[in-house]
Amino acid sequence: MIRKIAFAAALLGSVTVLTLTGCSKTQKQEVSNAGKEPGAMVTTAPAMDSPLITDLKARLSAKPNDPDVLQKFGDAYFDAKRFEEAVTYYKKALEFKPAEADIFNDLGLSLHYLGNPAGGLNYIEEGIKKNPYHQRIWLTKGFILAYGMGDLNGARAAWEKAKALNPESQVGKAASEFLAQINKK
């Protein structure tokens, strides 16, 4: 299954949101952040349902407690920047998959984007307890600490851990890039 993550890096007055899909495909979207504090939440107006969300609604109607569909719903709403809906579905998915670090990661990141980095960090920490070798969750922890809470030392430690787990992966390389950015400061 392709898992999607998003993380942002404050660069030159804008926030670059990188969406990593699997191990080889990377998309970039520029989101204006002019005049906002570093780490300010990204908001967008609610959009109409995409064909994917419409399809997922039909699948969920047939199987209302399918954790995979619930997680995919969260991912679809996250990709649409509809973070409140994403949080709702990620929490429902966790009821059925309480050890799934990917869900904790995406839930934590969604809460961060809603302006609740402390709440997001709580889910990240819980996910780390479930799987301390999950590289992406360490990357997200560093992001939330740096850009949501202003804790560059904590972020540095989290990114070092992400990098150490597999420096050659896309997540390891992203951790290296974040480390290079904060080391310039």
Foldseek 3Di string as FASTA:
>chain_A
DWAWDWFWDDDDQWIWIWIDTPFPDIDIDTDGRHPHDFLAAGADDDDPDDVVLVVLVVVCVVPVQDLVSLQVNLVSCVVVVVLVSSLVSLVSSCVVVVLDLSSLQSNLVSCSNVLRNVVSLVSLVSNCVSPVLPLVSLQSNLRSCCRVVVNNVSSLVSLVSSLVSPCPTPSNVVSVVNNVVVVVD
